[in-house]
Amino acid sequence: MNVITNIHSPLIYKQQKIDIIIRDIRKVDGEEITEIFKENYGDTYYEKNFYNPRFWDETITSKKYYPVVAEFKNRVVGQFLLKLNDKYNGEILAVVVHPNYKGRGIMNKMFDYIIQKAKNLGLYAIYGEAIMFHPFSQKANLKHGMVESALQLGEVASFIAQKNIKFEKRTATLVSYKILKNTPKSLYFPKIYEKIIKERYKKAKIKLKKINVKPIRNSLNLWEKKLLKIAGIVIDGKVKNFKNRFDFLFSKAKINTDMIYADINLKTKEIDEIAEFLNKKKFFYSGILFYRYHGDDYLRLQFENTPNVEERYNVCYSDYCKFLSRFVIKDKKRVLRN
């Protein structure tokens, strides 16, 4: 597969830096934040709450959302959101800078602030999903010490766009993690993906212990994001009648979704058997999700439930992104042959 790297969004020229104040959100900021979203996305951003000033006002007392804003001359010119999933991990998302102030290092300053906030909250890791329209977010993630760990084909619905950047097909995201607490781990890896998984743990500087893996409570659960037409099946161990129960959830997920992900807890003793079963169902490699659910790490596989998925024109900044893109497509071809 050829990974195209010469597609760019409109040029952003590096401009002279200005004195920016980075701070937590205040109740008066909602109106200006919503205007910045409109300037960047029009009305296409999938989280419609972000266009509602009241949502931003309510985050001030929230224990889930922690917005950070950039202020210049008493005006909000940027926003970066930290969303907590649980006490272990959070997602950084929805970063927007007013078009008149791009190229001035504002995103990087907000990024530094948000990392410190995550540490203060005691999180083990934060992650970001860079939409592969362009390399800017990928570059920023790497600059701040994040480790690229998964490529999620088709996660972004085709109706989502930035000004002057639009694809007809569903677009991929590149997942990167900032590990804040390097706790040693004892895990199971499926042999077919063992090499690529271990390399990511080495890159993340997470030590792997050769001791017995702590048992987990077996469960099988489905989540859905209906607006984005994506779903996922979370696999914690091998439940009774696993294949039948998985097929039931899989059939349910396929009704209204374009992409389906399968997340296997890396404490699952039967992980080789389950990975082989999923490969036969045409699930192929996506990557590793650190501390993703209740503090555990997961192997994510993915299934395309539509042909409307962009695979050729995803923009990569790093060599690893290019390698991972080739690996994912090669694995897809492998499972389709079987």
C-alpha atoms as a PDB file:
ATOM      1  CA  MET A   1       0.000   0.000   0.000  1.00  0.00           C
ATOM      2  CA  ASN A   2       1.209   3.522  -0.784  1.00  0.00           C
ATOM      3  CA  VAL A   3       0.816   5.927   2.136  1.00  0.00           C
ATOM      4  CA  ILE A   4       0.189   9.376   0.695  1.00  0.00           C
ATOM      5  CA  THR A   5       2.039  12.112   2.582  1.00  0.00           C
ATOM      6  CA  ASN A   6       1.771  15.100   0.264  1.00  0.00           C
ATOM      7  CA  ILE A   7      -1.804  16.119   1.078  1.00  0.00           C
ATOM      8  CA  HIS A   8      -2.067  19.200   3.238  1.00  0.00           C
ATOM      9  CA  SER A   9      -4.724  21.458   4.642  1.00  0.00           C
ATOM     10  CA  PRO A  10      -4.482  25.168   3.798  1.00  0.00           C
ATOM     11  CA  LEU A  11      -1.079  26.601   4.641  1.00  0.00           C
ATOM     12  CA  ILE A  12      -0.564  27.899   8.160  1.00  0.00           C
ATOM     13  CA  TYR A  13       2.428  30.195   8.238  1.00  0.00           C
ATOM     14  CA  LYS A  14       4.466  30.346  11.399  1.00  0.00           C
ATOM     15  CA  GLN A  15       3.878  33.760  12.898  1.00  0.00           C
ATOM     16  CA  GLN A  16       5.435  35.784  15.652  1.00  0.00           C
ATOM     17  CA  LYS A  17       4.523  34.462  19.071  1.00  0.00           C
ATOM     18  CA  ILE A  18       2.308  36.609  21.252  1.00  0.00           C
ATOM     19  CA  ASP A  19       1.725  36.819  24.996  1.00  0.00           C
ATOM     20  CA  ILE A  20      -0.942  34.225  25.650  1.00  0.00           C
ATOM     21  CA  ILE A  21      -2.520  33.354  28.983  1.00  0.00           C
ATOM     22  CA  ILE A  22      -3.350  29.638  29.365  1.00  0.00           C
ATOM     23  CA  ARG A  23      -5.918  28.940  32.059  1.00  0.00           C
ATOM     24  CA  ASP A  24      -8.910  26.886  33.135  1.00  0.00           C
ATOM     25  CA  ILE A  25     -12.288  27.768  31.687  1.00  0.00           C
ATOM     26  CA  ARG A  26     -14.470  30.503  33.217  1.00  0.00           C
ATOM     27  CA  LYS A  27     -18.219  30.903  33.005  1.00  0.00           C
ATOM     28  CA  VAL A  28     -17.967  33.828  30.567  1.00  0.00           C
ATOM     29  CA  ASP A  29     -15.968  31.811  27.982  1.00  0.00           C
ATOM     30  CA  GLY A  30     -18.743  29.679  26.435  1.00  0.00           C
ATOM     31  CA  GLU A  31     -19.859  32.080  23.720  1.00  0.00           C
ATOM     32  CA  GLU A  32     -16.334  32.670  22.416  1.00  0.00           C
ATOM     33  CA  ILE A  33     -15.482  28.943  22.433  1.00  0.00           C
ATOM     34  CA  THR A  34     -18.552  28.073  20.364  1.00  0.00           C
ATOM     35  CA  GLU A  35     -17.632  30.769  17.849  1.00  0.00           C
ATOM     36  CA  ILE A  36     -14.150  29.242  17.443  1.00  0.00           C
ATOM     37  CA  PHE A  37     -15.725  25.849  16.700  1.00  0.00           C
ATOM     38  CA  LYS A  38     -17.871  27.453  14.013  1.00  0.00           C
ATOM     39  CA  GLU A  39     -14.815  29.151  12.519  1.00  0.00           C
ATOM     40  CA  ASN A  40     -12.973  25.810  12.301  1.00  0.00           C
ATOM     41  CA  TYR A  41     -15.703  23.266  11.537  1.00  0.00           C
ATOM     42  CA  GLY A  42     -18.746  25.187  10.387  1.00  0.00           C
ATOM     43  CA  ASP A  43     -21.659  23.101  11.696  1.00  0.00           C
ATOM     44  CA  THR A  44     -20.099  19.666  10.950  1.00  0.00           C
ATOM     45  CA  TYR A  45     -18.526  18.804  14.335  1.00  0.00           C
ATOM     46  CA  TYR A  46     -20.261  15.703  15.666  1.00  0.00           C
ATOM     47  CA  GLU A  47     -20.459  16.846  19.302  1.00  0.00           C
ATOM     48  CA  LYS A  48     -23.326  19.285  18.956  1.00  0.00           C
ATOM     49  CA  ASN A  49     -22.998  20.203  22.641  1.00  0.00           C
ATOM     50  CA  PHE A  50     -19.823  22.051  21.735  1.00  0.00           C
ATOM     51  CA  TYR A  51     -21.940  24.626  19.905  1.00  0.00           C
ATOM     52  CA  ASN A  52     -23.911  25.320  23.079  1.00  0.00           C
ATOM     53  CA  PRO A  53     -22.353  27.925  25.447  1.00  0.00           C
ATOM     54  CA  ARG A  54     -24.287  26.372  28.327  1.00  0.00           C
ATOM     55  CA  PHE A  55     -22.344  23.112  27.904  1.00  0.00           C
ATOM     56  CA  TRP A  56     -19.062  24.954  28.446  1.00  0.00           C
ATOM     57  CA  ASP A  57     -20.470  26.784  31.467  1.00  0.00           C
ATOM     58  CA  GLU A  58     -21.446  23.460  33.056  1.00  0.00           C
ATOM     59  CA  THR A  59     -17.948  22.009  32.644  1.00  0.00           C
ATOM     60  CA  ILE A  60     -16.728  24.364  35.359  1.00  0.00           C
ATOM     61  CA  THR A  61     -18.235  22.079  38.015  1.00  0.00           C
ATOM     62  CA  SER A  62     -17.866  18.859  36.011  1.00  0.00           C
ATOM     63  CA  LYS A  63     -15.701  15.952  37.130  1.00  0.00           C
ATOM     64  CA  LYS A  64     -15.548  14.599  33.592  1.00  0.00           C
ATOM     65  CA  TYR A  65     -14.711  17.562  31.343  1.00  0.00           C
ATOM     66  CA  TYR A  66     -11.735  19.852  31.926  1.00  0.00           C
ATOM     67  CA  PRO A  67     -11.439  22.542  29.233  1.00  0.00           C
ATOM     68  CA  VAL A  68      -8.304  24.656  28.938  1.00  0.00           C
ATOM     69  CA  VAL A  69      -8.451  27.984  27.128  1.00  0.00           C
ATOM     70  CA  ALA A  70      -5.965  30.392  25.590  1.00  0.00           C
ATOM     71  CA  GLU A  71      -6.642  34.080  26.236  1.00  0.00           C
ATOM     72  CA  PHE A  72      -5.225  37.069  24.363  1.00  0.00           C
ATOM     73  CA  LYS A  73      -6.219  40.645  25.214  1.00  0.00           C
ATOM     74  CA  ASN A  74      -9.219  39.445  27.244  1.00  0.00           C
ATOM     75  CA  ARG A  75     -10.471  37.287  24.373  1.00  0.00           C
ATOM     76  CA  VAL A  76     -10.574  33.483  24.159  1.00  0.00           C
ATOM     77  CA  VAL A  77      -8.627  32.452  21.049  1.00  0.00           C
ATOM     78  CA  GLY A  78      -8.200  28.711  21.713  1.00  0.00           C
ATOM     79  CA  GLN A  79      -9.618  25.734  23.575  1.00  0.00           C
ATOM     80  CA  PHE A  80      -8.297  22.230  24.393  1.00  0.00           C
ATOM     81  CA  LEU A  81     -10.441  19.659  26.209  1.00  0.00           C
ATOM     82  CA  LEU A  82      -9.450  16.873  28.599  1.00  0.00           C
ATOM     83  CA  LYS A  83     -12.229  14.315  28.987  1.00  0.00           C
ATOM     84  CA  LEU A  84     -11.888  11.735  31.769  1.00  0.00           C
ATOM     85  CA  ASN A  85     -12.975   8.164  31.005  1.00  0.00           C
ATOM     86  CA  ASP A  86     -12.252   6.955  34.526  1.00  0.00           C
ATOM     87  CA  LYS A  87      -9.640   7.429  37.241  1.00  0.00           C
ATOM     88  CA  TYR A  88      -6.965   5.852  35.029  1.00  0.00           C
ATOM     89  CA  ASN A  89      -7.159   7.563  31.653  1.00  0.00           C
ATOM     90  CA  GLY A  90      -8.508  10.532  29.780  1.00  0.00           C
ATOM     91  CA  GLU A  91      -8.826  11.683  26.192  1.00  0.00           C
ATOM     92  CA  ILE A  92      -7.524  14.970  24.834  1.00  0.00           C
ATOM     93  CA  LEU A  93      -9.764  16.242  22.075  1.00  0.00           C
ATOM     94  CA  ALA A  94     -11.570  19.115  20.406  1.00  0.00           C
ATOM     95  CA  VAL A  95      -8.563  21.402  20.190  1.00  0.00           C
ATOM     96  CA  VAL A  96      -9.451  24.582  18.301  1.00  0.00           C
ATOM     97  CA  VAL A  97      -7.561  27.808  17.700  1.00  0.00           C
ATOM     98  CA  HIS A  98      -9.113  30.840  16.078  1.00  0.00           C
ATOM     99  CA  PRO A  99      -7.926  31.074  12.444  1.00  0.00           C
ATOM    100  CA  ASN A 100      -6.481  34.561  13.041  1.00  0.00           C
ATOM    101  CA  TYR A 101      -4.146  33.201  15.726  1.00  0.00           C
ATOM    102  CA  LYS A 102      -2.906  29.950  14.220  1.00  0.00           C
ATOM    103  CA  GLY A 103       0.817  29.410  13.760  1.00  0.00           C
ATOM    104  CA  ARG A 104       1.703  31.160  17.023  1.00  0.00           C
ATOM    105  CA  GLY A 105       2.369  28.125  19.243  1.00  0.00           C
ATOM    106  CA  ILE A 106      -0.946  28.408  21.086  1.00  0.00           C
ATOM    107  CA  MET A 107      -1.854  24.732  20.749  1.00  0.00           C
ATOM    108  CA  ASN A 108       1.513  23.674  22.185  1.00  0.00           C
ATOM    109  CA  LYS A 109       1.084  25.927  25.209  1.00  0.00           C
ATOM    110  CA  MET A 110      -2.384  24.531  25.884  1.00  0.00           C
ATOM    111  CA  PHE A 111      -0.974  21.007  25.397  1.00  0.00           C
ATOM    112  CA  ASP A 112       1.671  21.546  28.106  1.00  0.00           C
ATOM    113  CA  TYR A 113      -0.977  22.887  30.464  1.00  0.00           C
ATOM    114  CA  ILE A 114      -3.314  19.964  29.859  1.00  0.00           C
ATOM    115  CA  ILE A 115      -0.564  17.387  30.496  1.00  0.00           C
ATOM    116  CA  GLN A 116       0.152  18.974  33.859  1.00  0.00           C
ATOM    117  CA  LYS A 117      -3.566  19.002  34.647  1.00  0.00           C
ATOM    118  CA  ALA A 118      -3.779  15.255  33.875  1.00  0.00           C
ATOM    119  CA  LYS A 119      -0.843  14.610  36.218  1.00  0.00           C
ATOM    120  CA  ASN A 120      -2.492  16.665  38.953  1.00  0.00           C
ATOM    121  CA  LEU A 121      -5.639  14.566  38.536  1.00  0.00           C
ATOM    122  CA  GLY A 122      -3.575  11.397  39.085  1.00  0.00           C
ATOM    123  CA  LEU A 123      -4.235   9.857  35.663  1.00  0.00           C
ATOM    124  CA  TYR A 124      -2.047   7.010  34.439  1.00  0.00           C
ATOM    125  CA  ALA A 125      -2.304   8.005  30.776  1.00  0.00           C
ATOM    126  CA  ILE A 126      -3.929  10.380  28.327  1.00  0.00           C
ATOM    127  CA  TYR A 127      -4.531   9.728  24.661  1.00  0.00           C
ATOM    128  CA  GLY A 128      -5.453  11.635  21.545  1.00  0.00           C
ATOM    129  CA  GLU A 129      -6.996  10.560  18.258  1.00  0.00           C
ATOM    130  CA  ALA A 130      -5.516  12.609  15.431  1.00  0.00           C
ATOM    131  CA  ILE A 131      -7.828  12.863  12.429  1.00  0.00           C
ATOM    132  CA  MET A 132      -5.725  11.966   9.427  1.00  0.00           C
ATOM    133  CA  PHE A 133      -6.748  14.910   7.261  1.00  0.00           C
ATOM    134  CA  HIS A 134      -3.311  16.430   7.845  1.00  0.00           C
ATOM    135  CA  PRO A 135      -0.136  15.875   9.905  1.00  0.00           C
ATOM    136  CA  PHE A 136      -0.380  18.839  12.304  1.00  0.00           C
ATOM    137  CA  SER A 137      -2.034  17.018  15.233  1.00  0.00           C
ATOM    138  CA  GLN A 138       0.245  14.000  14.772  1.00  0.00           C
ATOM    139  CA  LYS A 139       3.299  16.260  14.901  1.00  0.00           C
ATOM    140  CA  ALA A 140       2.051  18.007  18.050  1.00  0.00           C
ATOM    141  CA  ASN A 141       1.385  14.665  19.780  1.00  0.00           C
ATOM    142  CA  LEU A 142       4.917  13.446  19.071  1.00  0.00           C
ATOM    143  CA  LYS A 143       6.421  16.754  20.188  1.00  0.00           C
ATOM    144  CA  HIS A 144       4.790  16.246  23.584  1.00  0.00           C
ATOM    145  CA  GLY A 145       6.151  12.751  24.103  1.00  0.00           C
ATOM    146  CA  MET A 146       3.162  10.718  23.011  1.00  0.00           C
ATOM    147  CA  VAL A 147       3.558   7.197  21.634  1.00  0.00           C
ATOM    148  CA  GLU A 148       1.597   6.227  18.514  1.00  0.00           C
ATOM    149  CA  SER A 149      -0.165   2.949  19.236  1.00  0.00           C
ATOM    150  CA  ALA A 150      -3.184   2.324  16.975  1.00  0.00           C
ATOM    151  CA  LEU A 151      -4.629   3.190  13.587  1.00  0.00           C
ATOM    152  CA  GLN A 152      -8.433   3.222  13.508  1.00  0.00           C
ATOM    153  CA  LEU A 153      -9.669   3.068   9.949  1.00  0.00           C
ATOM    154  CA  GLY A 154     -13.002   4.711   9.234  1.00  0.00           C
ATOM    155  CA  GLU A 155     -13.582   6.092  12.705  1.00  0.00           C
ATOM    156  CA  VAL A 156     -14.382   9.586  11.429  1.00  0.00           C
ATOM    157  CA  ALA A 157     -17.730   9.944   9.670  1.00  0.00           C
ATOM    158  CA  SER A 158     -17.576  11.495   6.213  1.00  0.00           C
ATOM    159  CA  PHE A 159     -19.882  14.359   7.231  1.00  0.00           C
ATOM    160  CA  ILE A 160     -17.173  15.736   9.558  1.00  0.00           C
ATOM    161  CA  ALA A 161     -15.008  18.347   7.873  1.00  0.00           C
ATOM    162  CA  GLN A 162     -12.712  21.245   8.507  1.00  0.00           C
ATOM    163  CA  LYS A 163     -12.839  24.280   6.283  1.00  0.00           C
ATOM    164  CA  ASN A 164     -11.424  23.444   2.840  1.00  0.00           C
ATOM    165  CA  ILE A 165     -10.727  19.838   3.950  1.00  0.00           C
ATOM    166  CA  LYS A 166     -13.345  17.253   3.042  1.00  0.00           C
ATOM    167  CA  PHE A 167     -13.280  13.580   2.107  1.00  0.00           C
ATOM    168  CA  GLU A 168     -16.148  11.580   0.653  1.00  0.00           C
ATOM    169  CA  LYS A 169     -15.129   8.457   2.556  1.00  0.00           C
ATOM    170  CA  ARG A 170     -14.808   7.738   6.263  1.00  0.00           C
ATOM    171  CA  THR A 171     -11.408   8.858   7.557  1.00  0.00           C
ATOM    172  CA  ALA A 172      -8.927   7.215   9.924  1.00  0.00           C
ATOM    173  CA  THR A 173      -7.551   8.390  13.255  1.00  0.00           C
ATOM    174  CA  LEU A 174      -4.095   7.758  14.670  1.00  0.00           C
ATOM    175  CA  VAL A 175      -4.156   7.043  18.412  1.00  0.00           C
ATOM    176  CA  SER A 176      -1.247   8.273  20.539  1.00  0.00           C
ATOM    177  CA  TYR A 177      -0.668   7.923  24.277  1.00  0.00           C
ATOM    178  CA  LYS A 178       1.175   9.944  26.873  1.00  0.00           C
ATOM    179  CA  ILE A 179       2.043   7.512  29.650  1.00  0.00           C
ATOM    180  CA  LEU A 180       2.070   9.351  32.979  1.00  0.00           C
ATOM    181  CA  LYS A 181       2.713   6.405  35.300  1.00  0.00           C
ATOM    182  CA  ASN A 182       4.980   3.597  34.107  1.00  0.00           C
ATOM    183  CA  THR A 183       3.731   0.632  36.114  1.00  0.00           C
ATOM    184  CA  PRO A 184       5.202  -2.801  35.175  1.00  0.00           C
ATOM    185  CA  LYS A 185       2.689  -5.164  33.595  1.00  0.00           C
ATOM    186  CA  SER A 186       2.183  -8.901  33.212  1.00  0.00           C
ATOM    187  CA  LEU A 187       0.111  -9.662  30.111  1.00  0.00           C
ATOM    188  CA  TYR A 188      -0.779 -12.162  27.392  1.00  0.00           C
ATOM    189  CA  PHE A 189      -0.044 -11.369  23.741  1.00  0.00           C
ATOM    190  CA  PRO A 190      -1.438 -13.301  20.759  1.00  0.00           C
ATOM    191  CA  LYS A 191       1.462 -14.824  18.869  1.00  0.00           C
ATOM    192  CA  ILE A 192       0.381 -13.381  15.526  1.00  0.00           C
ATOM    193  CA  TYR A 193       0.687  -9.794  16.823  1.00  0.00           C
ATOM    194  CA  GLU A 194       3.258 -10.313  19.586  1.00  0.00           C
ATOM    195  CA  LYS A 195       6.182  -8.586  17.852  1.00  0.00           C
ATOM    196  CA  ILE A 196       4.392  -5.354  16.982  1.00  0.00           C
ATOM    197  CA  ILE A 197       2.731  -5.183  20.418  1.00  0.00           C
ATOM    198  CA  LYS A 198       5.968  -5.688  22.362  1.00  0.00           C
ATOM    199  CA  GLU A 199       7.670  -2.995  20.314  1.00  0.00           C
ATOM    200  CA  ARG A 200       5.017  -0.474  21.396  1.00  0.00           C
ATOM    201  CA  TYR A 201       5.509  -1.378  25.059  1.00  0.00           C
ATOM    202  CA  LYS A 202       9.223  -0.866  24.644  1.00  0.00           C
ATOM    203  CA  LYS A 203       8.603   2.500  22.980  1.00  0.00           C
ATOM    204  CA  ALA A 204       6.259   3.509  25.809  1.00  0.00           C
ATOM    205  CA  LYS A 205       8.918   2.408  28.346  1.00  0.00           C
ATOM    206  CA  ILE A 206       6.495   0.064  30.085  1.00  0.00           C
ATOM    207  CA  LYS A 207       8.254  -2.955  31.578  1.00  0.00           C
ATOM    208  CA  LEU A 208       6.771  -6.408  31.020  1.00  0.00           C
ATOM    209  CA  LYS A 209       7.009  -8.837  33.934  1.00  0.00           C
ATOM    210  CA  LYS A 210       7.320 -12.589  33.484  1.00  0.00           C
ATOM    211  CA  ILE A 211       4.965 -13.608  36.275  1.00  0.00           C
ATOM    212  CA  ASN A 212       1.464 -15.025  36.392  1.00  0.00           C
ATOM    213  CA  VAL A 213      -1.153 -12.703  34.959  1.00  0.00           C
ATOM    214  CA  LYS A 214      -3.759 -11.572  37.480  1.00  0.00           C
ATOM    215  CA  PRO A 215      -7.158 -13.202  36.720  1.00  0.00           C
ATOM    216  CA  ILE A 216      -9.969 -10.963  35.490  1.00  0.00           C
ATOM    217  CA  ARG A 217     -13.734 -11.125  35.663  1.00  0.00           C
ATOM    218  CA  ASN A 218     -14.992 -12.521  32.352  1.00  0.00           C
ATOM    219  CA  SER A 219     -17.456 -10.325  30.464  1.00  0.00           C
ATOM    220  CA  LEU A 220     -18.555  -9.369  26.965  1.00  0.00           C
ATOM    221  CA  ASN A 221     -20.085  -5.955  26.296  1.00  0.00           C
ATOM    222  CA  LEU A 222     -21.191  -3.834  23.347  1.00  0.00           C
ATOM    223  CA  TRP A 223     -20.915  -0.052  23.065  1.00  0.00           C
ATOM    224  CA  GLU A 224     -22.319   2.057  20.239  1.00  0.00           C
ATOM    225  CA  LYS A 225     -21.978   5.642  19.007  1.00  0.00           C
ATOM    226  CA  LYS A 226     -24.990   5.832  16.744  1.00  0.00           C
ATOM    227  CA  LEU A 227     -24.384   9.324  15.362  1.00  0.00           C
ATOM    228  CA  LEU A 228     -20.876   8.376  14.207  1.00  0.00           C
ATOM    229  CA  LYS A 229     -22.049   4.897  13.132  1.00  0.00           C
ATOM    230  CA  ILE A 230     -19.331   3.060  15.051  1.00  0.00           C
ATOM    231  CA  ALA A 231     -19.499   0.330  17.682  1.00  0.00           C
ATOM    232  CA  GLY A 232     -17.193  -1.813  19.764  1.00  0.00           C
ATOM    233  CA  ILE A 233     -17.242  -5.134  21.570  1.00  0.00           C
ATOM    234  CA  VAL A 234     -15.197  -5.234  24.769  1.00  0.00           C
ATOM    235  CA  ILE A 235     -13.826  -8.696  25.514  1.00  0.00           C
ATOM    236  CA  ASP A 236     -12.661  -9.372  29.069  1.00  0.00           C
ATOM    237  CA  GLY A 237     -11.680 -13.022  29.130  1.00  0.00           C
ATOM    238  CA  LYS A 238     -13.593 -15.889  27.574  1.00  0.00           C
ATOM    239  CA  VAL A 239     -17.181 -15.978  28.799  1.00  0.00           C
ATOM    240  CA  LYS A 240     -19.345 -19.093  28.675  1.00  0.00           C
ATOM    241  CA  ASN A 241     -20.725 -19.750  25.163  1.00  0.00           C
ATOM    242  CA  PHE A 242     -18.322 -17.082  23.942  1.00  0.00           C
ATOM    243  CA  LYS A 243     -18.777 -17.632  20.192  1.00  0.00           C
ATOM    244  CA  ASN A 244     -22.563 -17.545  20.290  1.00  0.00           C
ATOM    245  CA  ARG A 245     -22.678 -14.514  22.552  1.00  0.00           C
ATOM    246  CA  PHE A 246     -20.117 -12.689  20.428  1.00  0.00           C
ATOM    247  CA  ASP A 247     -22.043 -13.469  17.242  1.00  0.00           C
ATOM    248  CA  PHE A 248     -25.200 -12.054  18.826  1.00  0.00           C
ATOM    249  CA  LEU A 249     -23.493  -8.759  19.724  1.00  0.00           C
ATOM    250  CA  PHE A 250     -21.685  -8.666  16.375  1.00  0.00           C
ATOM    251  CA  SER A 251     -24.958  -9.091  14.468  1.00  0.00           C
ATOM    252  CA  LYS A 252     -26.548  -6.343  16.542  1.00  0.00           C
ATOM    253  CA  ALA A 253     -23.615  -3.993  15.923  1.00  0.00           C
ATOM    254  CA  LYS A 254     -23.700  -4.557  12.163  1.00  0.00           C
ATOM    255  CA  ILE A 255     -27.268  -3.256  11.779  1.00  0.00           C
ATOM    256  CA  ASN A 256     -26.525   0.482  11.925  1.00  0.00           C
ATOM    257  CA  THR A 257     -22.747   0.898  11.996  1.00  0.00           C
ATOM    258  CA  ASP A 258     -19.977   1.327   9.437  1.00  0.00           C
ATOM    259  CA  MET A 259     -17.008   0.387  11.647  1.00  0.00           C
ATOM    260  CA  ILE A 260     -16.894  -2.175  14.451  1.00  0.00           C
ATOM    261  CA  TYR A 261     -13.974  -2.555  16.850  1.00  0.00           C
ATOM    262  CA  ALA A 262     -13.151  -5.519  19.082  1.00  0.00           C
ATOM    263  CA  ASP A 263     -11.124  -4.750  22.211  1.00  0.00           C
ATOM    264  CA  ILE A 264      -9.471  -7.748  23.892  1.00  0.00           C
ATOM    265  CA  ASN A 265      -8.194  -7.387  27.445  1.00  0.00           C
ATOM    266  CA  LEU A 266      -4.499  -8.327  27.439  1.00  0.00           C
ATOM    267  CA  LYS A 267      -5.075 -10.236  30.680  1.00  0.00           C
ATOM    268  CA  THR A 268      -7.206 -12.718  28.696  1.00  0.00           C
ATOM    269  CA  LYS A 269      -5.587 -16.133  28.967  1.00  0.00           C
ATOM    270  CA  GLU A 270      -7.333 -17.411  25.824  1.00  0.00           C
ATOM    271  CA  ILE A 271      -6.174 -14.463  23.742  1.00  0.00           C
ATOM    272  CA  ASP A 272      -4.646 -16.593  20.950  1.00  0.00           C
ATOM    273  CA  GLU A 273      -7.895 -18.487  20.514  1.00  0.00           C
ATOM    274  CA  ILE A 274      -9.981 -15.308  20.560  1.00  0.00           C
ATOM    275  CA  ALA A 275      -7.696 -13.436  18.144  1.00  0.00           C
ATOM    276  CA  GLU A 276      -7.871 -16.353  15.714  1.00  0.00           C
ATOM    277  CA  PHE A 277     -11.675 -16.430  16.023  1.00  0.00           C
ATOM    278  CA  LEU A 278     -11.891 -12.703  15.321  1.00  0.00           C
ATOM    279  CA  ASN A 279      -9.537 -12.972  12.344  1.00  0.00           C
ATOM    280  CA  LYS A 280     -11.918 -15.553  10.866  1.00  0.00           C
ATOM    281  CA  LYS A 281     -14.700 -12.998  11.362  1.00  0.00           C
ATOM    282  CA  LYS A 282     -12.557 -10.610   9.234  1.00  0.00           C
ATOM    283  CA  PHE A 283     -11.356  -8.436  12.104  1.00  0.00           C
ATOM    284  CA  PHE A 284      -7.829  -7.159  11.504  1.00  0.00           C
ATOM    285  CA  TYR A 285      -5.197  -5.239  13.469  1.00  0.00           C
ATOM    286  CA  SER A 286      -5.702  -1.734  14.794  1.00  0.00           C
ATOM    287  CA  GLY A 287      -3.319  -1.420  17.752  1.00  0.00           C
ATOM    288  CA  ILE A 288      -2.896  -1.100  21.509  1.00  0.00           C
ATOM    289  CA  LEU A 289      -5.040   0.934  23.905  1.00  0.00           C
ATOM    290  CA  PHE A 290      -3.225   1.574  27.191  1.00  0.00           C
ATOM    291  CA  TYR A 291      -5.284   1.731  30.420  1.00  0.00           C
ATOM    292  CA  ARG A 292      -8.384   1.855  28.205  1.00  0.00           C
ATOM    293  CA  TYR A 293     -11.021   0.247  30.415  1.00  0.00           C
ATOM    294  CA  HIS A 294     -10.844   0.128  34.225  1.00  0.00           C
ATOM    295  CA  GLY A 295      -7.044   0.481  34.102  1.00  0.00           C
ATOM    296  CA  ASP A 296      -6.322  -2.493  31.824  1.00  0.00           C
ATOM    297  CA  ASP A 297      -4.645  -2.575  28.406  1.00  0.00           C
ATOM    298  CA  TYR A 298      -6.452  -3.832  25.300  1.00  0.00           C
ATOM    299  CA  LEU A 299      -5.645  -5.082  21.831  1.00  0.00           C
ATOM    300  CA  ARG A 300      -7.984  -3.404  19.347  1.00  0.00           C
ATOM    301  CA  LEU A 301      -8.994  -5.178  16.132  1.00  0.00           C
ATOM    302  CA  GLN A 302     -11.287  -3.626  13.536  1.00  0.00           C
ATOM    303  CA  PHE A 303     -13.946  -4.648  11.048  1.00  0.00           C
ATOM    304  CA  GLU A 304     -15.129  -2.645   8.040  1.00  0.00           C
ATOM    305  CA  ASN A 305     -18.893  -2.878   7.695  1.00  0.00           C
ATOM    306  CA  THR A 306     -18.920  -0.560   4.673  1.00  0.00           C
ATOM    307  CA  PRO A 307     -16.782  -0.097   1.554  1.00  0.00           C
ATOM    308  CA  ASN A 308     -16.810   3.668   2.162  1.00  0.00           C
ATOM    309  CA  VAL A 309     -13.549   3.687   4.173  1.00  0.00           C
ATOM    310  CA  GLU A 310     -10.489   5.700   3.153  1.00  0.00           C
ATOM    311  CA  GLU A 311      -7.377   3.516   3.135  1.00  0.00           C
ATOM    312  CA  ARG A 312      -5.018   5.185   0.644  1.00  0.00           C
ATOM    313  CA  TYR A 313      -5.143   8.891   1.368  1.00  0.00           C
ATOM    314  CA  ASN A 314      -4.547   8.980   5.102  1.00  0.00           C
ATOM    315  CA  VAL A 315      -1.753  11.442   5.808  1.00  0.00           C
ATOM    316  CA  CYS A 316       1.178  10.226   7.935  1.00  0.00           C
ATOM    317  CA  TYR A 317       3.784  12.417   9.622  1.00  0.00           C
ATOM    318  CA  SER A 318       5.998   9.792  11.278  1.00  0.00           C
ATOM    319  CA  ASP A 319       7.768   6.724   9.930  1.00  0.00           C
ATOM    320  CA  TYR A 320       5.878   4.581  12.444  1.00  0.00           C
ATOM    321  CA  CYS A 321       2.533   5.849  11.176  1.00  0.00           C
ATOM    322  CA  LYS A 322       3.567   4.852   7.646  1.00  0.00           C
ATOM    323  CA  PHE A 323       4.686   1.440   8.894  1.00  0.00           C
ATOM    324  CA  LEU A 324       1.484   0.919  10.887  1.00  0.00           C
ATOM    325  CA  SER A 325      -0.663   1.921   7.906  1.00  0.00           C
ATOM    326  CA  ARG A 326       1.051  -0.703   5.752  1.00  0.00           C
ATOM    327  CA  PHE A 327       0.804  -3.312   8.520  1.00  0.00           C
ATOM    328  CA  VAL A 328      -2.935  -2.713   9.022  1.00  0.00           C
ATOM    329  CA  ILE A 329      -3.747  -3.034   5.318  1.00  0.00           C
ATOM    330  CA  LYS A 330      -1.538  -6.114   4.985  1.00  0.00           C
ATOM    331  CA  ASP A 331      -3.333  -7.714   7.942  1.00  0.00           C
ATOM    332  CA  LYS A 332      -6.695  -6.874   6.429  1.00  0.00           C
ATOM    333  CA  LYS A 333      -5.702  -8.605   3.198  1.00  0.00           C
ATOM    334  CA  ARG A 334      -4.532 -11.628   5.203  1.00  0.00           C
ATOM    335  CA  VAL A 335      -7.822 -12.085   7.073  1.00  0.00           C
ATOM    336  CA  LEU A 336      -9.865 -11.579   3.905  1.00  0.00           C
ATOM    337  CA  ARG A 337      -7.941 -14.370   2.197  1.00  0.00           C
ATOM    338  CA  ASN A 338      -8.679 -16.831   4.990  1.00  0.00           C
END
